């Protein structure tokens, strides 16, 4: 049975994805508020939020890749054991 990755994803991946998206969203909102109120310093305050959000999101991609490699290795091991029994 084929599962969607999100259903079988580890909790660390889910937290990293939502954390990254949340921080990026907060940064964008701060930039918009700074643009509407003509406060240039808010733009500089928002940049670290966006940067950390993007880094967190990229780290989640690494977590996903690690999990997929681990699952593929386990599947190959199960297939080799199954073939050895035949």
PDB file of N, CA and C in Angstrom:
ATOM      1  N   UNK A   1       0.836  -1.172   0.000  1.00  0.00           N
ATOM      2  CA  UNK A   1       0.000   0.000   0.000  1.00  0.00           C
ATOM      3  C   UNK A   1       0.886   1.243   0.000  1.00  0.00           C
ATOM      4  N   UNK A   2       0.564   2.199  -0.817  1.00  0.00           N
ATOM      5  CA  UNK A   2       1.343   3.426  -0.926  1.00  0.00           C
ATOM      6  C   UNK A   2       0.770   4.446   0.051  1.00  0.00           C
ATOM      7  N   UNK A   3       1.635   4.940   0.934  1.00  0.00           N
ATOM      8  CA  UNK A   3       1.222   5.961   1.897  1.00  0.00           C
ATOM      9  C   UNK A   3       1.759   7.309   1.461  1.00  0.00           C
ATOM     10  N   UNK A   4       1.003   8.334   1.765  1.00  0.00           N
ATOM     11  CA  UNK A   4       1.486   9.691   1.581  1.00  0.00           C
ATOM     12  C   UNK A   4       2.603   9.921   2.595  1.00  0.00           C
ATOM     13  N   UNK A   5       3.665  10.631   2.191  1.00  0.00           N
ATOM     14  CA  UNK A   5       4.791  10.820   3.099  1.00  0.00           C
ATOM     15  C   UNK A   5       4.368  11.525   4.380  1.00  0.00           C
ATOM     16  N   UNK A   6       3.431  12.436   4.272  1.00  0.00           N
ATOM     17  CA  UNK A   6       3.031  13.196   5.452  1.00  0.00           C
ATOM     18  C   UNK A   6       2.444  12.280   6.521  1.00  0.00           C
ATOM     19  N   UNK A   7       1.754  11.212   6.107  1.00  0.00           N
ATOM     20  CA  UNK A   7       1.156  10.292   7.067  1.00  0.00           C
ATOM     21  C   UNK A   7       2.213   9.522   7.843  1.00  0.00           C
ATOM     22  N   UNK A   8       3.318   9.207   7.194  1.00  0.00           N
ATOM     23  CA  UNK A   8       4.356   8.396   7.827  1.00  0.00           C
ATOM     24  C   UNK A   8       5.569   9.218   8.256  1.00  0.00           C
ATOM     25  N   UNK A   9       5.512  10.517   8.094  1.00  0.00           N
ATOM     26  CA  UNK A   9       6.659  11.380   8.415  1.00  0.00           C
ATOM     27  C   UNK A   9       6.896  11.417   9.920  1.00  0.00           C
ATOM     28  N   UNK A  10       8.163  11.517  10.305  1.00  0.00           N
ATOM     29  CA  UNK A  10       8.459  11.620  11.743  1.00  0.00           C
ATOM     30  C   UNK A  10       8.010  12.976  12.294  1.00  0.00           C
ATOM     31  N   UNK A  11       7.709  13.032  13.585  1.00  0.00           N
ATOM     32  CA  UNK A  11       7.249  14.302  14.180  1.00  0.00           C
ATOM     33  C   UNK A  11       8.272  15.434  14.041  1.00  0.00           C
ATOM     34  N   UNK A  12       9.566  15.118  14.094  1.00  0.00           N
ATOM     35  CA  UNK A  12      10.584  16.174  13.967  1.00  0.00           C
ATOM     36  C   UNK A  12      10.461  16.881  12.622  1.00  0.00           C
ATOM     37  N   UNK A  13      10.171  16.128  11.573  1.00  0.00           N
ATOM     38  CA  UNK A  13       9.997  16.722  10.244  1.00  0.00           C
ATOM     39  C   UNK A  13       8.789  17.662  10.230  1.00  0.00           C
ATOM     40  N   UNK A  14       7.697  17.206  10.819  1.00  0.00           N
ATOM     41  CA  UNK A  14       6.483  18.024  10.824  1.00  0.00           C
ATOM     42  C   UNK A  14       6.694  19.318  11.609  1.00  0.00           C
ATOM     43  N   UNK A  15       7.345  19.210  12.776  1.00  0.00           N
ATOM     44  CA  UNK A  15       7.611  20.409  13.576  1.00  0.00           C
ATOM     45  C   UNK A  15       8.533  21.373  12.833  1.00  0.00           C
ATOM     46  N   UNK A  16       9.539  20.835  12.157  1.00  0.00           N
ATOM     47  CA  UNK A  16      10.477  21.694  11.429  1.00  0.00           C
ATOM     48  C   UNK A  16       9.789  22.405  10.269  1.00  0.00           C
ATOM     49  N   UNK A  17       8.934  21.683   9.551  1.00  0.00           N
ATOM     50  CA  UNK A  17       8.228  22.295   8.414  1.00  0.00           C
ATOM     51  C   UNK A  17       7.315  23.417   8.896  1.00  0.00           C
ATOM     52  N   UNK A  18       6.495  23.114   9.898  1.00  0.00           N
ATOM     53  CA  UNK A  18       5.574  24.143  10.382  1.00  0.00           C
ATOM     54  C   UNK A  18       6.301  25.281  11.074  1.00  0.00           C
ATOM     55  N   UNK A  19       7.373  24.967  11.788  1.00  0.00           N
ATOM     56  CA  UNK A  19       8.161  26.021  12.427  1.00  0.00           C
ATOM     57  C   UNK A  19       8.781  26.945  11.399  1.00  0.00           C
ATOM     58  N   UNK A  20       9.348  26.366  10.340  1.00  0.00           N
ATOM     59  CA  UNK A  20       9.947  27.180   9.281  1.00  0.00           C
ATOM     60  C   UNK A  20       8.932  28.044   8.566  1.00  0.00           C
ATOM     61  N   UNK A  21       7.780  27.448   8.257  1.00  0.00           N
ATOM     62  CA  UNK A  21       6.746  28.229   7.588  1.00  0.00           C
ATOM     63  C   UNK A  21       6.202  29.323   8.503  1.00  0.00           C
ATOM     64  N   UNK A  22       6.061  29.001   9.789  1.00  0.00           N
ATOM     65  CA  UNK A  22       5.554  29.986  10.743  1.00  0.00           C
ATOM     66  C   UNK A  22       6.494  31.166  10.905  1.00  0.00           C
ATOM     67  N   UNK A  23       7.795  30.879  11.051  1.00  0.00           N
ATOM     68  CA  UNK A  23       8.764  31.976  11.188  1.00  0.00           C
ATOM     69  C   UNK A  23       8.826  32.835   9.927  1.00  0.00           C
ATOM     70  N   UNK A  24       8.781  32.200   8.775  1.00  0.00           N
ATOM     71  CA  UNK A  24       8.786  32.954   7.515  1.00  0.00           C
ATOM     72  C   UNK A  24       7.532  33.822   7.422  1.00  0.00           C
ATOM     73  N   UNK A  25       6.392  33.267   7.798  1.00  0.00           N
ATOM     74  CA  UNK A  25       5.138  34.037   7.775  1.00  0.00           C
ATOM     75  C   UNK A  25       5.207  35.241   8.709  1.00  0.00           C
ATOM     76  N   UNK A  26       5.730  35.038   9.921  1.00  0.00           N
ATOM     77  CA  UNK A  26       5.866  36.145  10.869  1.00  0.00           C
ATOM     78  C   UNK A  26       6.759  37.241  10.286  1.00  0.00           C
ATOM     79  N   UNK A  27       7.862  36.842   9.654  1.00  0.00           N
ATOM     80  CA  UNK A  27       8.750  37.819   9.030  1.00  0.00           C
ATOM     81  C   UNK A  27       8.069  38.604   7.926  1.00  0.00           C
ATOM     82  N   UNK A  28       7.287  37.924   7.111  1.00  0.00           N
ATOM     83  CA  UNK A  28       6.578  38.607   6.017  1.00  0.00           C
ATOM     84  C   UNK A  28       5.550  39.583   6.577  1.00  0.00           C
ATOM     85  N   UNK A  29       4.837  39.158   7.614  1.00  0.00           N
ATOM     86  CA  UNK A  29       3.836  40.056   8.230  1.00  0.00           C
ATOM     87  C   UNK A  29       4.520  41.296   8.804  1.00  0.00           C
ATOM     88  N   UNK A  30       5.663  41.112   9.463  1.00  0.00           N
ATOM     89  CA  UNK A  30       6.385  42.264  10.028  1.00  0.00           C
ATOM     90  C   UNK A  30       6.831  43.204   8.914  1.00  0.00           C
ATOM     91  N   UNK A  31       7.301  42.648   7.791  1.00  0.00           N
ATOM     92  CA  UNK A  31       7.708  43.498   6.666  1.00  0.00           C
ATOM     93  C   UNK A  31       6.516  44.275   6.112  1.00  0.00           C
ATOM     94  N   UNK A  32       5.381  43.628   5.988  1.00  0.00           N
ATOM     95  CA  UNK A  32       4.184  44.317   5.476  1.00  0.00           C
ATOM     96  C   UNK A  32       3.759  45.427   6.433  1.00  0.00           C
ATOM     97  N   UNK A  33       3.778  45.140   7.726  1.00  0.00           N
ATOM     98  CA  UNK A  33       3.421  46.171   8.710  1.00  0.00           C
ATOM     99  C   UNK A  33       4.412  47.332   8.633  1.00  0.00           C
ATOM    100  N   UNK A  34       5.692  47.012   8.478  1.00  0.00           N
ATOM    101  CA  UNK A  34       6.697  48.069   8.355  1.00  0.00           C
ATOM    102  C   UNK A  34       6.503  48.901   7.105  1.00  0.00           C
ATOM    103  N   UNK A  35       6.082  48.261   6.011  1.00  0.00           N
ATOM    104  CA  UNK A  35       5.852  49.010   4.774  1.00  0.00           C
ATOM    105  C   UNK A  35       4.614  49.898   4.887  1.00  0.00           C
ATOM    106  N   UNK A  36       3.578  49.386   5.529  1.00  0.00           N
ATOM    107  CA  UNK A  36       2.340  50.164   5.664  1.00  0.00           C
ATOM    108  C   UNK A  36       2.548  51.356   6.597  1.00  0.00           C
ATOM    109  N   UNK A  37       3.304  51.155   7.668  1.00  0.00           N
ATOM    110  CA  UNK A  37       3.523  52.237   8.628  1.00  0.00           C
ATOM    111  C   UNK A  37       4.747  53.084   8.300  1.00  0.00           C
ATOM    112  N   UNK A  38       5.422  52.763   7.199  1.00  0.00           N
ATOM    113  CA  UNK A  38       6.617  53.488   6.758  1.00  0.00           C
ATOM    114  C   UNK A  38       7.710  53.471   7.820  1.00  0.00           C
ATOM    115  N   UNK A  39       7.867  52.323   8.476  1.00  0.00           N
ATOM    116  CA  UNK A  39       8.908  52.141   9.488  1.00  0.00           C
ATOM    117  C   UNK A  39       9.965  51.218   8.894  1.00  0.00           C
ATOM    118  N   UNK A  40      11.061  51.816   8.449  1.00  0.00           N
ATOM    119  CA  UNK A  40      12.091  51.024   7.766  1.00  0.00           C
ATOM    120  C   UNK A  40      12.793  50.054   8.710  1.00  0.00           C
ATOM    121  N   UNK A  41      12.858  50.396   9.983  1.00  0.00           N
ATOM    122  CA  UNK A  41      13.572  49.514  10.915  1.00  0.00           C
ATOM    123  C   UNK A  41      12.857  48.174  11.094  1.00  0.00           C
ATOM    124  N   UNK A  42      11.550  48.134  10.862  1.00  0.00           N
ATOM    125  CA  UNK A  42      10.823  46.865  10.986  1.00  0.00           C
ATOM    126  C   UNK A  42      11.262  45.873   9.918  1.00  0.00           C
ATOM    127  N   UNK A  43      11.694  46.390   8.780  1.00  0.00           N
ATOM    128  CA  UNK A  43      12.197  45.518   7.730  1.00  0.00           C
ATOM    129  C   UNK A  43      13.423  44.769   8.211  1.00  0.00           C
ATOM    130  N   UNK A  44      14.287  45.455   8.907  1.00  0.00           N
ATOM    131  CA  UNK A  44      15.503  44.825   9.411  1.00  0.00           C
ATOM    132  C   UNK A  44      15.201  43.871  10.561  1.00  0.00           C
ATOM    133  N   UNK A  45      14.158  44.152  11.311  1.00  0.00           N
ATOM    134  CA  UNK A  45      13.748  43.245  12.384  1.00  0.00           C
ATOM    135  C   UNK A  45      13.198  41.949  11.788  1.00  0.00           C
ATOM    136  N   UNK A  46      12.525  42.037  10.654  1.00  0.00           N
ATOM    137  CA  UNK A  46      11.880  40.873  10.047  1.00  0.00           C
ATOM    138  C   UNK A  46      12.867  39.945   9.344  1.00  0.00           C
ATOM    139  N   UNK A  47      13.984  40.459   8.890  1.00  0.00           N
ATOM    140  CA  UNK A  47      14.921  39.628   8.121  1.00  0.00           C
ATOM    141  C   UNK A  47      15.420  38.398   8.883  1.00  0.00           C
ATOM    142  N   UNK A  48      15.769  38.495  10.171  1.00  0.00           N
ATOM    143  CA  UNK A  48      16.178  37.277  10.883  1.00  0.00           C
ATOM    144  C   UNK A  48      15.064  36.227  10.969  1.00  0.00           C
ATOM    145  N   UNK A  49      13.818  36.673  11.110  1.00  0.00           N
ATOM    146  CA  UNK A  49      12.704  35.721  11.138  1.00  0.00           C
ATOM    147  C   UNK A  49      12.624  34.946   9.829  1.00  0.00           C
ATOM    148  N   UNK A  50      12.726  35.665   8.726  1.00  0.00           N
ATOM    149  CA  UNK A  50      12.658  35.013   7.425  1.00  0.00           C
ATOM    150  C   UNK A  50      13.862  34.098   7.222  1.00  0.00           C
ATOM    151  N   UNK A  51      15.043  34.566   7.599  1.00  0.00           N
ATOM    152  CA  UNK A  51      16.248  33.758   7.438  1.00  0.00           C
ATOM    153  C   UNK A  51      16.202  32.474   8.248  1.00  0.00           C
ATOM    154  N   UNK A  52      15.825  32.584   9.515  1.00  0.00           N
ATOM    155  CA  UNK A  52      15.745  31.385  10.357  1.00  0.00           C
ATOM    156  C   UNK A  52      14.623  30.467   9.872  1.00  0.00           C
ATOM    157  N   UNK A  53      13.538  31.051   9.405  1.00  0.00           N
ATOM    158  CA  UNK A  53      12.447  30.241   8.858  1.00  0.00           C
ATOM    159  C   UNK A  53      12.881  29.446   7.645  1.00  0.00           C
ATOM    160  N   UNK A  54      13.627  30.086   6.762  1.00  0.00           N
ATOM    161  CA  UNK A  54      14.106  29.373   5.577  1.00  0.00           C
ATOM    162  C   UNK A  54      15.125  28.302   5.946  1.00  0.00           C
ATOM    163  N   UNK A  55      16.006  28.596   6.883  1.00  0.00           N
ATOM    164  CA  UNK A  55      16.987  27.596   7.323  1.00  0.00           C
ATOM    165  C   UNK A  55      16.292  26.404   7.990  1.00  0.00           C
ATOM    166  N   UNK A  56      15.270  26.680   8.782  1.00  0.00           N
ATOM    167  CA  UNK A  56      14.524  25.599   9.431  1.00  0.00           C
ATOM    168  C   UNK A  56      13.806  24.745   8.398  1.00  0.00           C
ATOM    169  N   UNK A  57      13.242  25.396   7.409  1.00  0.00           N
ATOM    170  CA  UNK A  57      12.557  24.658   6.348  1.00  0.00           C
ATOM    171  C   UNK A  57      13.552  23.790   5.569  1.00  0.00           C
ATOM    172  N   UNK A  58      14.736  24.311   5.302  1.00  0.00           N
ATOM    173  CA  UNK A  58      15.758  23.521   4.606  1.00  0.00           C
ATOM    174  C   UNK A  58      16.235  22.362   5.478  1.00  0.00           C
ATOM    175  N   UNK A  59      16.320  22.575   6.780  1.00  0.00           N
ATOM    176  CA  UNK A  59      16.695  21.490   7.690  1.00  0.00           C
ATOM    177  C   UNK A  59      15.639  20.391   7.667  1.00  0.00           C
ATOM    178  N   UNK A  60      14.386  20.775   7.513  1.00  0.00           N
ATOM    179  CA  UNK A  60      13.331  19.767   7.438  1.00  0.00           C
ATOM    180  C   UNK A  60      13.489  18.909   6.187  1.00  0.00           C
ATOM    181  N   UNK A  61      13.975  19.503   5.106  1.00  0.00           N
ATOM    182  CA  UNK A  61      14.239  18.706   3.903  1.00  0.00           C
ATOM    183  C   UNK A  61      15.328  17.674   4.170  1.00  0.00           C
ATOM    184  N   UNK A  62      16.335  18.061   4.954  1.00  0.00           N
ATOM    185  CA  UNK A  62      17.375  17.105   5.338  1.00  0.00           C
ATOM    186  C   UNK A  62      16.812  15.984   6.196  1.00  0.00           C
ATOM    187  N   UNK A  63      15.923  16.318   7.129  1.00  0.00           N
ATOM    188  CA  UNK A  63      15.279  15.297   7.951  1.00  0.00           C
ATOM    189  C   UNK A  63      14.457  14.339   7.095  1.00  0.00           C
ATOM    190  N   UNK A  64      13.773  14.896   6.119  1.00  0.00           N
ATOM    191  CA  UNK A  64      12.952  14.059   5.228  1.00  0.00           C
ATOM    192  C   UNK A  64      13.836  13.116   4.422  1.00  0.00           C
ATOM    193  N   UNK A  65      14.917  13.643   3.867  1.00  0.00           N
ATOM    194  CA  UNK A  65      15.834  12.807   3.091  1.00  0.00           C
ATOM    195  C   UNK A  65      16.439  11.703   3.930  1.00  0.00           C
ATOM    196  N   UNK A  66      16.811  12.036   5.167  1.00  0.00           N
ATOM    197  CA  UNK A  66      17.376  11.024   6.069  1.00  0.00           C
ATOM    198  C   UNK A  66      16.369   9.918   6.338  1.00  0.00           C
ATOM    199  N   UNK A  67      15.114  10.299   6.588  1.00  0.00           N
ATOM    200  CA  UNK A  67      14.081   9.315   6.863  1.00  0.00           C
ATOM    201  C   UNK A  67      13.809   8.435   5.655  1.00  0.00           C
ATOM    202  N   UNK A  68      13.786   9.026   4.475  1.00  0.00           N
ATOM    203  CA  UNK A  68      13.530   8.248   3.259  1.00  0.00           C
ATOM    204  C   UNK A  68      14.663   7.257   3.013  1.00  0.00           C
ATOM    205  N   UNK A  69      15.920   7.703   3.197  1.00  0.00           N
ATOM    206  CA  UNK A  69      17.047   6.783   3.026  1.00  0.00           C
ATOM    207  C   UNK A  69      16.969   5.620   4.004  1.00  0.00           C
ATOM    208  N   UNK A  70      16.593   5.928   5.240  1.00  0.00           N
ATOM    209  CA  UNK A  70      16.469   4.881   6.254  1.00  0.00           C
ATOM    210  C   UNK A  70      15.375   3.888   5.876  1.00  0.00           C
ATOM    211  N   UNK A  71      14.240   4.386   5.411  1.00  0.00           N
ATOM    212  CA  UNK A  71      13.135   3.506   5.013  1.00  0.00           C
ATOM    213  C   UNK A  71      13.505   2.658   3.797  1.00  0.00           C
ATOM    214  N   UNK A  72      14.200   3.244   2.824  1.00  0.00           N
ATOM    215  CA  UNK A  72      14.615   2.476   1.649  1.00  0.00           C
ATOM    216  C   UNK A  72      15.600   1.376   2.019  1.00  0.00           C
ATOM    217  N   UNK A  73      16.509   1.691   2.919  1.00  0.00           N
ATOM    218  CA  UNK A  73      17.482   0.689   3.371  1.00  0.00           C
ATOM    219  C   UNK A  73      16.768  -0.462   4.076  1.00  0.00           C
ATOM    220  N   UNK A  74      15.792  -0.150   4.912  1.00  0.00           N
ATOM    221  CA  UNK A  74      15.023  -1.185   5.605  1.00  0.00           C
ATOM    222  C   UNK A  74      14.219  -2.027   4.607  1.00  0.00           C
ATOM    223  N   UNK A  75      13.660  -1.379   3.588  1.00  0.00           N
ATOM    224  CA  UNK A  75      12.893  -2.113   2.583  1.00  0.00           C
ATOM    225  C   UNK A  75      13.801  -3.041   1.777  1.00  0.00           C
ATOM    226  N   UNK A  76      15.003  -2.579   1.438  1.00  0.00           N
ATOM    227  CA  UNK A  76      15.949  -3.431   0.713  1.00  0.00           C
ATOM    228  C   UNK A  76      16.357  -4.627   1.564  1.00  0.00           C
ATOM    229  N   UNK A  77      16.534  -4.412   2.862  1.00  0.00           N
ATOM    230  CA  UNK A  77      16.911  -5.499   3.762  1.00  0.00           C
ATOM    231  C   UNK A  77      15.791  -6.527   3.846  1.00  0.00           C
ATOM    232  N   UNK A  78      14.530  -6.062   3.948  1.00  0.00           N
ATOM    233  CA  UNK A  78      13.396  -6.981   3.993  1.00  0.00           C
ATOM    234  C   UNK A  78      13.292  -7.770   2.698  1.00  0.00           C
ATOM    235  N   UNK A  79      13.520  -7.100   1.555  1.00  0.00           N
ATOM    236  CA  UNK A  79      13.454  -7.803   0.267  1.00  0.00           C
ATOM    237  C   UNK A  79      14.564  -8.840   0.149  1.00  0.00           C
ATOM    238  N   UNK A  80      15.753  -8.515   0.637  1.00  0.00           N
ATOM    239  CA  UNK A  80      16.857  -9.488   0.580  1.00  0.00           C
ATOM    240  C   UNK A  80      16.577 -10.679   1.470  1.00  0.00           C
ATOM    241  N   UNK A  81      15.988 -10.450   2.635  1.00  0.00           N
ATOM    242  CA  UNK A  81      15.633 -11.558   3.528  1.00  0.00           C
ATOM    243  C   UNK A  81      14.534 -12.419   2.903  1.00  0.00           C
ATOM    244  N   UNK A  82      13.583 -11.790   2.241  1.00  0.00           N
ATOM    245  CA  UNK A  82      12.502 -12.522   1.589  1.00  0.00           C
ATOM    246  C   UNK A  82      13.052 -13.376   0.449  1.00  0.00           C
ATOM    247  N   UNK A  83      13.978 -12.795  -0.327  1.00  0.00           N
ATOM    248  CA  UNK A  83      14.589 -13.546  -1.438  1.00  0.00           C
ATOM    249  C   UNK A  83      15.456 -14.701  -0.937  1.00  0.00           C
ATOM    250  N   UNK A  84      16.077 -14.522   0.205  1.00  0.00           N
ATOM    251  CA  UNK A  84      16.937 -15.582   0.757  1.00  0.00           C
ATOM    252  C   UNK A  84      16.103 -16.772   1.226  1.00  0.00           C
ATOM    253  N   UNK A  85      14.881 -16.521   1.626  1.00  0.00           N
ATOM    254  CA  UNK A  85      14.005 -17.610   2.078  1.00  0.00           C
ATOM    255  C   UNK A  85      13.481 -18.456   0.922  1.00  0.00           C
ATOM    256  N   UNK A  86      13.470 -17.903  -0.280  1.00  0.00           N
ATOM    257  CA  UNK A  86      12.917 -18.631  -1.449  1.00  0.00           C
ATOM    258  C   UNK A  86      13.873 -19.647  -1.958  1.00  0.00           C
TER     259      UNK A  86
END
